[in-house]
Amino acid sequence: MFLADARGLDFLNSIATPVDTPVDWLPDGDGLLSWLAQAGLVPDAVLAEMRQRAMPGELDGIAAQARGLREWFRGFVRSRRGRPLASDALDELQPLNRLLERDEGFSRIVAADGAGRLALAPFRRWRSPDSLLLPIAEAMARVVCEEDFSQVKACEGPACTLMFVDHTRGHARRWCSMALCGNRAKQAAHRHRQKEKRGEGAN
């Protein structure tokens, strides 16, 4: 369900109701590792190493922390979406800052491309399983600092819980996906028109 146009909001959408029943893609440690791989937030080699090194139940505990972080951020986004985000939100963001402060990031000079150019690239030390939360925190921080909260929206599908950033030119996006809720809305509108026509015919 990577439909949000922002990884931090895709993280919120890791629990959703795509049809009728809520689905949580982070129910345990395996689910968290799978989601991180699909999101491209953690290298596959790091995920494999974490799976091998983790103590029994340790990754399940990290997944529980991730779910708690997700619900905290959902409350923040819901209360602030639809209008510009300003510095008065800083106090509310302290839990996120505290998590970001645990990062062991560093930079390294690397080959940038086949032309022999060099570039400064960010890296991270993955010392323990709880470091898996850091790229998630970074993705959420990017939503806060780089996205226009005026354009953070909730899908208008009646049962849908997905959120997204509207990057369309006219900011007219209404649905998580035209293939999902957009198509359902078109079908519902068509059925409504057909019912009205039948009602007119009966008169």
N, C-alpha and C. Protein backbone atom coordinates (compact mmCIF):
# COMPACT_ATOMS: atom_id res chain seq x y z
N MET A 1 0.84 -1.20 0.00
CA MET A 1 0.00 0.00 0.00
C MET A 1 0.87 1.25 0.00
N PHE A 2 1.79 1.34 -0.96
CA PHE A 2 2.65 2.51 -1.06
C PHE A 2 2.02 3.50 -2.03
N LEU A 3 1.05 4.25 -1.51
CA LEU A 3 0.23 5.13 -2.35
C LEU A 3 0.28 6.58 -1.90
N ALA A 4 1.03 6.86 -0.84
CA ALA A 4 0.93 8.17 -0.18
C ALA A 4 1.79 9.26 -0.79
N ASP A 5 2.73 8.89 -1.67
CA ASP A 5 3.70 9.85 -2.23
C ASP A 5 4.62 10.42 -1.16
N ALA A 6 4.75 9.74 -0.03
CA ALA A 6 5.67 10.13 1.03
C ALA A 6 5.83 8.92 1.95
N ARG A 7 7.07 8.46 2.13
CA ARG A 7 7.28 7.23 2.91
C ARG A 7 6.76 7.35 4.34
N GLY A 8 6.86 8.53 4.93
CA GLY A 8 6.37 8.70 6.30
C GLY A 8 4.87 8.45 6.42
N LEU A 9 4.12 8.83 5.37
CA LEU A 9 2.68 8.56 5.37
C LEU A 9 2.40 7.13 4.94
N ASP A 10 3.26 6.56 4.08
CA ASP A 10 3.12 5.13 3.77
C ASP A 10 3.24 4.31 5.04
N PHE A 11 4.08 4.78 5.97
CA PHE A 11 4.21 4.08 7.25
C PHE A 11 2.88 4.11 8.01
N LEU A 12 2.20 5.25 8.01
CA LEU A 12 0.87 5.31 8.63
C LEU A 12 -0.09 4.34 7.96
N ASN A 13 0.06 4.19 6.65
CA ASN A 13 -0.83 3.32 5.88
C ASN A 13 -0.46 1.85 6.00
N SER A 14 0.51 1.52 6.87
CA SER A 14 0.86 0.12 7.06
C SER A 14 -0.19 -0.62 7.88
N ILE A 15 -1.20 0.10 8.33
CA ILE A 15 -2.44 -0.52 8.80
C ILE A 15 -3.56 0.16 8.03
N ALA A 16 -4.40 -0.63 7.41
CA ALA A 16 -5.41 -0.06 6.52
C ALA A 16 -6.57 -1.02 6.36
N THR A 17 -7.63 -0.53 5.74
CA THR A 17 -8.80 -1.35 5.45
C THR A 17 -9.02 -1.33 3.93
N PRO A 18 -8.21 -2.08 3.16
CA PRO A 18 -8.31 -2.01 1.71
C PRO A 18 -9.65 -2.51 1.17
N VAL A 19 -10.30 -3.44 1.88
CA VAL A 19 -11.63 -3.89 1.44
C VAL A 19 -12.60 -3.70 2.60
N ASP A 20 -12.74 -4.69 3.45
CA ASP A 20 -13.68 -4.58 4.57
C ASP A 20 -13.01 -4.76 5.93
N THR A 21 -11.95 -5.55 5.97
CA THR A 21 -11.31 -5.90 7.23
C THR A 21 -9.97 -5.20 7.37
N PRO A 22 -9.69 -4.59 8.53
CA PRO A 22 -8.38 -3.95 8.73
C PRO A 22 -7.24 -4.95 8.60
N VAL A 23 -6.17 -4.54 7.94
CA VAL A 23 -4.97 -5.36 7.77
C VAL A 23 -3.80 -4.58 8.33
N ASP A 24 -3.02 -5.22 9.22
CA ASP A 24 -1.83 -4.60 9.79
C ASP A 24 -0.61 -5.30 9.20
N TRP A 25 0.22 -4.54 8.48
CA TRP A 25 1.40 -5.13 7.86
C TRP A 25 2.58 -5.18 8.83
N LEU A 26 2.38 -4.72 10.06
CA LEU A 26 3.44 -4.77 11.08
C LEU A 26 3.00 -5.57 12.31
N PRO A 27 2.43 -6.75 12.12
CA PRO A 27 1.91 -7.47 13.28
C PRO A 27 3.01 -8.05 14.18
N ASP A 28 4.20 -8.23 13.61
CA ASP A 28 5.31 -8.84 14.36
C ASP A 28 6.62 -8.45 13.70
N GLY A 29 7.71 -9.01 14.21
CA GLY A 29 9.03 -8.67 13.69
C GLY A 29 9.19 -9.00 12.21
N ASP A 30 8.68 -10.16 11.79
CA ASP A 30 8.79 -10.54 10.37
C ASP A 30 8.06 -9.53 9.49
N GLY A 31 6.88 -9.11 9.95
CA GLY A 31 6.11 -8.12 9.18
C GLY A 31 6.86 -6.81 9.06
N LEU A 32 7.50 -6.38 10.15
CA LEU A 32 8.27 -5.14 10.13
C LEU A 32 9.43 -5.23 9.14
N LEU A 33 10.18 -6.34 9.18
CA LEU A 33 11.31 -6.51 8.27
C LEU A 33 10.83 -6.52 6.82
N SER A 34 9.73 -7.19 6.57
CA SER A 34 9.18 -7.24 5.22
C SER A 34 8.77 -5.85 4.74
N TRP A 35 8.11 -5.08 5.62
CA TRP A 35 7.67 -3.73 5.22
C TRP A 35 8.88 -2.83 4.96
N LEU A 36 9.91 -2.91 5.81
CA LEU A 36 11.10 -2.09 5.62
C LEU A 36 11.79 -2.42 4.29
N ALA A 37 11.79 -3.70 3.94
CA ALA A 37 12.39 -4.11 2.66
C ALA A 37 11.60 -3.55 1.50
N GLN A 38 10.27 -3.69 1.55
CA GLN A 38 9.42 -3.19 0.46
C GLN A 38 9.48 -1.67 0.35
N ALA A 39 9.63 -1.00 1.48
CA ALA A 39 9.71 0.46 1.48
C ALA A 39 11.07 0.96 1.02
N GLY A 40 12.06 0.06 0.97
CA GLY A 40 13.40 0.45 0.56
C GLY A 40 14.11 1.30 1.60
N LEU A 41 13.74 1.16 2.86
CA LEU A 41 14.33 2.00 3.91
C LEU A 41 15.57 1.39 4.55
N VAL A 42 15.71 0.07 4.45
CA VAL A 42 16.85 -0.62 5.06
C VAL A 42 17.41 -1.60 4.03
N PRO A 43 18.74 -1.63 3.86
CA PRO A 43 19.34 -2.58 2.90
C PRO A 43 19.00 -4.03 3.26
N ASP A 44 18.81 -4.86 2.24
CA ASP A 44 18.47 -6.27 2.46
C ASP A 44 19.51 -6.98 3.33
N ALA A 45 20.78 -6.66 3.12
CA ALA A 45 21.84 -7.33 3.89
C ALA A 45 21.71 -7.00 5.38
N VAL A 46 21.33 -5.77 5.70
CA VAL A 46 21.15 -5.37 7.10
C VAL A 46 19.97 -6.12 7.70
N LEU A 47 18.89 -6.22 6.95
CA LEU A 47 17.70 -6.93 7.45
C LEU A 47 18.02 -8.40 7.71
N ALA A 48 18.78 -9.03 6.81
CA ALA A 48 19.15 -10.44 7.00
C ALA A 48 20.02 -10.60 8.24
N GLU A 49 20.94 -9.66 8.45
CA GLU A 49 21.81 -9.71 9.62
C GLU A 49 21.01 -9.53 10.91
N MET A 50 20.06 -8.59 10.88
CA MET A 50 19.22 -8.36 12.08
C MET A 50 18.40 -9.61 12.40
N ARG A 51 17.90 -10.26 11.35
CA ARG A 51 17.10 -11.48 11.57
C ARG A 51 17.95 -12.55 12.24
N GLN A 52 19.22 -12.64 11.85
CA GLN A 52 20.12 -13.65 12.42
C GLN A 52 20.55 -13.30 13.85
N ARG A 53 20.83 -12.01 14.09
CA ARG A 53 21.40 -11.58 15.37
C ARG A 53 20.38 -11.42 16.48
N ALA A 54 19.14 -11.15 16.13
CA ALA A 54 18.13 -10.79 17.14
C ALA A 54 17.86 -11.95 18.10
N MET A 55 17.65 -11.59 19.35
CA MET A 55 17.25 -12.57 20.35
C MET A 55 15.80 -12.95 20.12
N PRO A 56 15.36 -14.13 20.61
CA PRO A 56 13.95 -14.51 20.43
C PRO A 56 13.00 -13.44 20.98
N GLY A 57 12.07 -13.05 20.17
CA GLY A 57 11.07 -12.05 20.58
C GLY A 57 11.53 -10.61 20.45
N GLU A 58 12.84 -10.39 20.19
CA GLU A 58 13.36 -9.02 20.15
C GLU A 58 12.75 -8.22 19.00
N LEU A 59 12.68 -8.83 17.82
CA LEU A 59 12.12 -8.12 16.67
C LEU A 59 10.62 -7.87 16.84
N ASP A 60 9.94 -8.79 17.52
CA ASP A 60 8.51 -8.56 17.81
C ASP A 60 8.35 -7.33 18.71
N GLY A 61 9.28 -7.16 19.65
CA GLY A 61 9.24 -5.99 20.52
C GLY A 61 9.48 -4.70 19.74
N ILE A 62 10.40 -4.75 18.77
CA ILE A 62 10.67 -3.56 17.93
C ILE A 62 9.44 -3.25 17.09
N ALA A 63 8.77 -4.30 16.59
CA ALA A 63 7.54 -4.09 15.81
C ALA A 63 6.46 -3.43 16.67
N ALA A 64 6.37 -3.83 17.93
CA ALA A 64 5.40 -3.20 18.84
C ALA A 64 5.73 -1.73 19.04
N GLN A 65 7.04 -1.41 19.16
CA GLN A 65 7.44 0.00 19.26
C GLN A 65 7.07 0.76 17.99
N ALA A 66 7.28 0.11 16.85
CA ALA A 66 6.94 0.75 15.56
C ALA A 66 5.45 1.04 15.48
N ARG A 67 4.63 0.12 15.95
CA ARG A 67 3.17 0.35 15.93
C ARG A 67 2.79 1.50 16.84
N GLY A 68 3.44 1.59 18.00
CA GLY A 68 3.18 2.71 18.91
C GLY A 68 3.59 4.04 18.28
N LEU A 69 4.74 4.04 17.62
CA LEU A 69 5.22 5.24 16.93
C LEU A 69 4.25 5.64 15.82
N ARG A 70 3.77 4.64 15.12
CA ARG A 70 2.81 4.88 14.03
C ARG A 70 1.54 5.55 14.54
N GLU A 71 1.00 5.08 15.64
CA GLU A 71 -0.25 5.65 16.14
C GLU A 71 -0.03 7.04 16.73
N TRP A 72 1.14 7.25 17.34
CA TRP A 72 1.46 8.61 17.81
C TRP A 72 1.51 9.57 16.62
N PHE A 73 2.19 9.18 15.56
CA PHE A 73 2.33 10.06 14.39
C PHE A 73 0.99 10.24 13.68
N ARG A 74 0.15 9.21 13.69
CA ARG A 74 -1.18 9.34 13.07
C ARG A 74 -1.98 10.44 13.77
N GLY A 75 -1.92 10.47 15.11
CA GLY A 75 -2.63 11.51 15.85
C GLY A 75 -2.10 12.90 15.51
N PHE A 76 -0.76 13.00 15.38
CA PHE A 76 -0.16 14.28 15.03
C PHE A 76 -0.62 14.73 13.65
N VAL A 77 -0.54 13.84 12.67
CA VAL A 77 -0.89 14.20 11.29
C VAL A 77 -2.37 14.55 11.18
N ARG A 78 -3.23 13.76 11.82
CA ARG A 78 -4.67 14.05 11.75
C ARG A 78 -5.01 15.41 12.34
N SER A 79 -4.34 15.76 13.42
CA SER A 79 -4.66 17.04 14.08
C SER A 79 -4.10 18.23 13.32
N ARG A 80 -3.08 18.01 12.50
CA ARG A 80 -2.39 19.13 11.83
C ARG A 80 -2.61 19.21 10.33
N ARG A 81 -3.13 18.14 9.72
CA ARG A 81 -3.26 18.13 8.26
C ARG A 81 -4.28 19.18 7.79
N GLY A 82 -4.12 19.59 6.53
CA GLY A 82 -5.06 20.53 5.94
C GLY A 82 -4.70 21.98 6.13
N ARG A 83 -3.59 22.24 6.85
CA ARG A 83 -3.14 23.63 7.03
C ARG A 83 -1.62 23.63 7.17
N PRO A 84 -0.97 24.74 6.88
CA PRO A 84 0.49 24.77 6.96
C PRO A 84 0.99 24.41 8.36
N LEU A 85 2.11 23.71 8.38
CA LEU A 85 2.72 23.33 9.64
C LEU A 85 3.75 24.40 10.03
N ALA A 86 3.68 24.86 11.27
CA ALA A 86 4.58 25.93 11.72
C ALA A 86 5.39 25.46 12.93
N SER A 87 6.26 26.32 13.41
CA SER A 87 7.17 25.96 14.50
C SER A 87 6.44 25.73 15.82
N ASP A 88 5.17 26.11 15.91
CA ASP A 88 4.43 25.85 17.15
C ASP A 88 4.19 24.36 17.36
N ALA A 89 4.49 23.55 16.32
CA ALA A 89 4.33 22.10 16.44
C ALA A 89 5.54 21.43 17.08
N LEU A 90 6.59 22.20 17.33
CA LEU A 90 7.86 21.62 17.77
C LEU A 90 7.75 20.83 19.07
N ASP A 91 7.01 21.34 20.04
CA ASP A 91 6.87 20.61 21.31
C ASP A 91 6.22 19.25 21.10
N GLU A 92 5.22 19.20 20.23
CA GLU A 92 4.55 17.93 19.94
C GLU A 92 5.48 16.93 19.28
N LEU A 93 6.51 17.42 18.61
CA LEU A 93 7.41 16.56 17.84
C LEU A 93 8.60 16.06 18.65
N GLN A 94 8.63 16.35 19.95
CA GLN A 94 9.76 15.93 20.77
C GLN A 94 9.97 14.41 20.78
N PRO A 95 8.91 13.59 20.82
CA PRO A 95 9.16 12.13 20.75
C PRO A 95 9.92 11.72 19.50
N LEU A 96 9.63 12.38 18.39
CA LEU A 96 10.33 12.08 17.15
C LEU A 96 11.77 12.56 17.22
N ASN A 97 12.00 13.74 17.76
CA ASN A 97 13.37 14.24 17.92
C ASN A 97 14.21 13.35 18.82
N ARG A 98 13.59 12.84 19.89
CA ARG A 98 14.34 11.96 20.81
C ARG A 98 14.78 10.69 20.10
N LEU A 99 13.92 10.17 19.22
CA LEU A 99 14.28 8.98 18.45
C LEU A 99 15.39 9.30 17.45
N LEU A 100 15.28 10.43 16.76
CA LEU A 100 16.29 10.82 15.79
C LEU A 100 17.66 11.03 16.44
N GLU A 101 17.68 11.46 17.69
CA GLU A 101 18.94 11.70 18.40
C GLU A 101 19.74 10.42 18.64
N ARG A 102 19.08 9.27 18.53
CA ARG A 102 19.77 7.99 18.75
C ARG A 102 20.54 7.52 17.52
N ASP A 103 20.40 8.23 16.41
CA ASP A 103 21.00 7.79 15.16
C ASP A 103 22.53 7.84 15.21
N GLU A 104 23.16 6.82 14.64
CA GLU A 104 24.61 6.80 14.49
C GLU A 104 24.94 6.95 13.01
N GLY A 105 24.56 8.07 12.47
CA GLY A 105 24.81 8.32 11.06
C GLY A 105 26.17 8.94 10.83
N PHE A 106 26.69 8.74 9.65
CA PHE A 106 27.95 9.36 9.26
C PHE A 106 27.96 9.48 7.74
N SER A 107 28.92 10.21 7.22
CA SER A 107 29.05 10.38 5.77
C SER A 107 30.34 9.74 5.28
N ARG A 108 30.31 9.34 4.01
CA ARG A 108 31.48 8.71 3.40
C ARG A 108 31.59 9.17 1.96
N ILE A 109 32.83 9.35 1.50
CA ILE A 109 33.04 9.72 0.09
C ILE A 109 32.97 8.45 -0.75
N VAL A 110 32.16 8.49 -1.79
CA VAL A 110 31.95 7.32 -2.64
C VAL A 110 32.05 7.71 -4.11
N ALA A 111 32.16 6.71 -4.97
CA ALA A 111 32.10 6.96 -6.41
C ALA A 111 30.66 7.28 -6.77
N ALA A 112 30.44 8.42 -7.41
CA ALA A 112 29.08 8.88 -7.66
C ALA A 112 28.46 8.20 -8.86
N ASP A 113 29.25 7.93 -9.89
CA ASP A 113 28.69 7.35 -11.12
C ASP A 113 29.84 6.76 -11.94
N GLY A 114 29.52 6.29 -13.13
CA GLY A 114 30.53 5.68 -13.99
C GLY A 114 31.52 6.66 -14.58
N ALA A 115 31.27 7.96 -14.40
CA ALA A 115 32.16 8.98 -14.98
C ALA A 115 33.34 9.29 -14.07
N GLY A 116 33.43 8.60 -12.94
CA GLY A 116 34.56 8.81 -12.05
C GLY A 116 34.40 9.95 -11.07
N ARG A 117 33.21 10.52 -10.98
CA ARG A 117 32.98 11.62 -10.03
C ARG A 117 32.80 11.06 -8.61
N LEU A 118 33.09 11.92 -7.65
CA LEU A 118 32.94 11.54 -6.24
C LEU A 118 31.77 12.28 -5.62
N ALA A 119 31.21 11.67 -4.56
CA ALA A 119 30.08 12.30 -3.87
C ALA A 119 30.14 11.95 -2.40
N LEU A 120 29.52 12.77 -1.59
CA LEU A 120 29.41 12.52 -0.15
C LEU A 120 28.07 11.83 0.10
N ALA A 121 28.11 10.62 0.63
CA ALA A 121 26.89 9.84 0.81
C ALA A 121 26.66 9.53 2.28
N PRO A 122 25.40 9.53 2.72
CA PRO A 122 25.10 9.22 4.12
C PRO A 122 25.09 7.71 4.37
N PHE A 123 25.57 7.30 5.53
CA PHE A 123 25.54 5.90 5.95
C PHE A 123 25.06 5.86 7.40
N ARG A 124 24.77 4.64 7.86
CA ARG A 124 24.27 4.47 9.24
C ARG A 124 24.87 3.20 9.83
N ARG A 125 25.24 3.25 11.10
CA ARG A 125 25.67 2.05 11.81
C ARG A 125 24.44 1.36 12.38
N TRP A 126 24.25 0.10 12.02
CA TRP A 126 23.09 -0.68 12.47
C TRP A 126 23.53 -1.56 13.63
N ARG A 127 23.67 -0.97 14.82
CA ARG A 127 24.26 -1.70 15.95
C ARG A 127 23.29 -2.67 16.62
N SER A 128 22.00 -2.38 16.59
CA SER A 128 21.03 -3.23 17.29
C SER A 128 19.70 -3.17 16.56
N PRO A 129 18.79 -4.12 16.82
CA PRO A 129 17.49 -4.13 16.13
C PRO A 129 16.69 -2.84 16.29
N ASP A 130 16.84 -2.14 17.43
CA ASP A 130 16.04 -0.92 17.57
C ASP A 130 16.50 0.19 16.62
N SER A 131 17.68 0.03 16.00
CA SER A 131 18.10 1.00 14.98
C SER A 131 17.22 0.92 13.73
N LEU A 132 16.43 -0.16 13.61
CA LEU A 132 15.50 -0.27 12.48
C LEU A 132 14.42 0.80 12.52
N LEU A 133 14.20 1.39 13.70
CA LEU A 133 13.20 2.46 13.82
C LEU A 133 13.70 3.79 13.25
N LEU A 134 15.03 3.93 13.12
CA LEU A 134 15.61 5.22 12.72
C LEU A 134 15.23 5.66 11.31
N PRO A 135 15.28 4.77 10.29
CA PRO A 135 14.86 5.24 8.96
C PRO A 135 13.38 5.58 8.90
N ILE A 136 12.58 4.93 9.75
CA ILE A 136 11.15 5.27 9.82
C ILE A 136 11.00 6.67 10.40
N ALA A 137 11.74 6.94 11.48
CA ALA A 137 11.70 8.28 12.09
C ALA A 137 12.14 9.34 11.09
N GLU A 138 13.17 9.02 10.32
CA GLU A 138 13.67 9.96 9.32
C GLU A 138 12.61 10.22 8.25
N ALA A 139 11.91 9.18 7.83
CA ALA A 139 10.86 9.34 6.82
C ALA A 139 9.72 10.20 7.35
N MET A 140 9.36 10.02 8.63
CA MET A 140 8.33 10.84 9.23
C MET A 140 8.79 12.29 9.34
N ALA A 141 10.06 12.48 9.72
CA ALA A 141 10.61 13.84 9.84
C ALA A 141 10.60 14.54 8.48
N ARG A 142 10.83 13.79 7.40
CA ARG A 142 10.79 14.39 6.06
C ARG A 142 9.38 14.86 5.72
N VAL A 143 8.38 14.11 6.14
CA VAL A 143 6.99 14.55 5.93
C VAL A 143 6.76 15.88 6.65
N VAL A 144 7.22 15.95 7.90
CA VAL A 144 7.03 17.15 8.71
C VAL A 144 7.76 18.36 8.11
N CYS A 145 8.97 18.15 7.65
CA CYS A 145 9.82 19.28 7.23
C CYS A 145 9.77 19.59 5.75
N GLU A 146 9.40 18.63 4.92
CA GLU A 146 9.50 18.84 3.48
C GLU A 146 8.17 18.87 2.75
N GLU A 147 7.11 18.37 3.37
CA GLU A 147 5.81 18.34 2.69
C GLU A 147 4.94 19.51 3.14
N ASP A 148 4.04 19.93 2.27
CA ASP A 148 3.07 20.98 2.59
C ASP A 148 1.89 20.31 3.31
N PHE A 149 1.77 20.54 4.61
CA PHE A 149 0.71 19.89 5.38
C PHE A 149 -0.68 20.33 4.92
N SER A 150 -0.76 21.43 4.18
CA SER A 150 -2.05 21.84 3.62
C SER A 150 -2.56 20.81 2.62
N GLN A 151 -1.63 20.04 2.05
CA GLN A 151 -1.99 19.06 1.03
C GLN A 151 -1.92 17.62 1.55
N VAL A 152 -1.79 17.44 2.86
CA VAL A 152 -1.89 16.11 3.44
C VAL A 152 -3.38 15.81 3.62
N LYS A 153 -3.83 14.73 2.99
CA LYS A 153 -5.26 14.45 2.95
C LYS A 153 -5.55 13.01 3.36
N ALA A 154 -6.80 12.79 3.77
CA ALA A 154 -7.30 11.45 4.01
C ALA A 154 -8.17 11.07 2.81
N CYS A 155 -8.07 9.82 2.39
CA CYS A 155 -8.90 9.35 1.28
C CYS A 155 -10.37 9.56 1.61
N GLU A 156 -11.14 9.95 0.60
CA GLU A 156 -12.57 10.20 0.80
C GLU A 156 -13.42 8.93 0.72
N GLY A 157 -12.78 7.79 0.50
CA GLY A 157 -13.53 6.53 0.51
C GLY A 157 -14.19 6.33 1.86
N PRO A 158 -15.46 5.96 1.91
CA PRO A 158 -16.21 5.88 3.18
C PRO A 158 -15.55 5.02 4.25
N ALA A 159 -14.96 3.88 3.84
CA ALA A 159 -14.36 2.99 4.83
C ALA A 159 -12.84 3.05 4.81
N CYS A 160 -12.27 3.87 3.95
CA CYS A 160 -10.81 3.90 3.76
C CYS A 160 -10.14 4.72 4.86
N THR A 161 -8.99 4.26 5.30
CA THR A 161 -8.24 4.95 6.35
C THR A 161 -6.90 5.49 5.83
N LEU A 162 -6.64 5.37 4.53
CA LEU A 162 -5.35 5.74 3.97
C LEU A 162 -5.19 7.26 3.86
N MET A 163 -3.93 7.70 4.01
CA MET A 163 -3.60 9.13 3.90
C MET A 163 -2.56 9.30 2.80
N PHE A 164 -2.45 10.52 2.28
CA PHE A 164 -1.51 10.79 1.20
C PHE A 164 -1.20 12.27 1.14
N VAL A 165 -0.14 12.62 0.40
CA VAL A 165 0.14 14.01 0.08
C VAL A 165 -0.32 14.25 -1.34
N ASP A 166 -1.12 15.29 -1.54
CA ASP A 166 -1.64 15.59 -2.87
C ASP A 166 -0.61 16.42 -3.64
N HIS A 167 0.11 15.75 -4.55
CA HIS A 167 1.11 16.42 -5.37
C HIS A 167 0.57 16.75 -6.76
N THR A 168 -0.73 16.54 -6.99
CA THR A 168 -1.28 16.82 -8.32
C THR A 168 -1.26 18.32 -8.58
N ARG A 169 -1.26 18.68 -9.87
CA ARG A 169 -1.12 20.10 -10.24
C ARG A 169 -2.21 20.98 -9.64
N GLY A 170 -3.45 20.54 -9.73
CA GLY A 170 -4.55 21.35 -9.20
C GLY A 170 -4.94 21.01 -7.78
N HIS A 171 -4.16 20.11 -7.13
CA HIS A 171 -4.46 19.65 -5.76
C HIS A 171 -5.90 19.15 -5.64
N ALA A 172 -6.28 18.34 -6.63
CA ALA A 172 -7.66 17.84 -6.67
C ALA A 172 -7.76 16.35 -6.33
N ARG A 173 -6.66 15.76 -5.88
CA ARG A 173 -6.69 14.32 -5.56
C ARG A 173 -7.63 14.08 -4.39
N ARG A 174 -8.50 13.08 -4.55
CA ARG A 174 -9.49 12.77 -3.51
C ARG A 174 -9.33 11.35 -2.96
N TRP A 175 -8.68 10.49 -3.73
CA TRP A 175 -8.68 9.07 -3.38
C TRP A 175 -7.25 8.58 -3.16
N CYS A 176 -7.13 7.53 -2.34
CA CYS A 176 -5.83 6.89 -2.15
C CYS A 176 -5.34 6.37 -3.49
N SER A 177 -6.26 5.82 -4.27
CA SER A 177 -5.94 5.29 -5.59
C SER A 177 -7.21 5.25 -6.42
N MET A 178 -7.08 5.65 -7.69
CA MET A 178 -8.25 5.56 -8.58
C MET A 178 -8.65 4.11 -8.79
N ALA A 179 -7.68 3.20 -8.73
CA ALA A 179 -7.97 1.78 -8.94
C ALA A 179 -8.73 1.18 -7.75
N LEU A 180 -8.58 1.78 -6.57
CA LEU A 180 -9.27 1.26 -5.39
C LEU A 180 -10.51 2.11 -5.09
N CYS A 181 -10.36 3.10 -4.24
CA CYS A 181 -11.51 3.88 -3.79
C CYS A 181 -12.10 4.76 -4.89
N GLY A 182 -11.26 5.26 -5.80
CA GLY A 182 -11.79 6.08 -6.89
C GLY A 182 -12.73 5.30 -7.77
N ASN A 183 -12.36 4.06 -8.07
CA ASN A 183 -13.21 3.20 -8.90
C ASN A 183 -14.49 2.83 -8.17
N ARG A 184 -14.39 2.57 -6.87
CA ARG A 184 -15.59 2.26 -6.09
C ARG A 184 -16.55 3.45 -6.08
N ALA A 185 -16.01 4.66 -5.95
CA ALA A 185 -16.85 5.86 -5.95
C ALA A 185 -17.54 6.05 -7.30
N LYS A 186 -16.81 5.80 -8.39
CA LYS A 186 -17.41 5.90 -9.73
C LYS A 186 -18.54 4.90 -9.90
N GLN A 187 -18.32 3.68 -9.41
CA GLN A 187 -19.36 2.66 -9.51
C GLN A 187 -20.58 3.03 -8.68
N ALA A 188 -20.34 3.56 -7.47
CA ALA A 188 -21.44 3.97 -6.60
C ALA A 188 -22.23 5.11 -7.25
N ALA A 189 -21.52 6.08 -7.84
CA ALA A 189 -22.19 7.20 -8.51
C ALA A 189 -23.01 6.71 -9.69
N HIS A 190 -22.47 5.73 -10.44
CA HIS A 190 -23.19 5.17 -11.58
C HIS A 190 -24.46 4.46 -11.12
N ARG A 191 -24.35 3.66 -10.05
CA ARG A 191 -25.54 2.97 -9.52
C ARG A 191 -26.58 3.97 -9.05
N HIS A 192 -26.11 5.08 -8.43
CA HIS A 192 -27.04 6.12 -7.95
C HIS A 192 -27.78 6.76 -9.13
N ARG A 193 -27.06 7.06 -10.22
CA ARG A 193 -27.70 7.66 -11.40
C ARG A 193 -28.71 6.70 -12.02
N GLN A 194 -28.33 5.42 -12.08
CA GLN A 194 -29.25 4.43 -12.65
C GLN A 194 -30.52 4.31 -11.81
N LYS A 195 -30.36 4.37 -10.49
CA LYS A 195 -31.52 4.28 -9.58
C LYS A 195 -32.41 5.49 -9.77
N GLU A 196 -31.80 6.70 -9.92
CA GLU A 196 -32.60 7.90 -10.15
C GLU A 196 -33.36 7.83 -11.47
N LYS A 197 -32.71 7.30 -12.51
CA LYS A 197 -33.37 7.17 -13.81
C LYS A 197 -34.57 6.23 -13.72
N ARG A 198 -34.36 5.12 -12.99
CA ARG A 198 -35.48 4.17 -12.83
C ARG A 198 -36.63 4.84 -12.07
N GLY A 199 -36.27 5.66 -11.08
CA GLY A 199 -37.30 6.37 -10.32
C GLY A 199 -38.06 7.34 -11.18
N GLU A 200 -37.34 8.04 -12.07
CA GLU A 200 -38.01 8.99 -12.99
C GLU A 200 -38.90 8.26 -13.95
N GLY A 201 -38.46 7.07 -14.43
CA GLY A 201 -39.24 6.29 -15.36
C GLY A 201 -40.54 5.79 -14.74
N ALA A 202 -40.47 5.50 -13.45
CA ALA A 202 -41.68 4.99 -12.75
C ALA A 202 -42.72 6.08 -12.64
N ASN A 203 -42.29 7.38 -12.64
CA ASN A 203 -43.24 8.49 -12.55
C ASN A 203 -43.80 8.77 -13.93
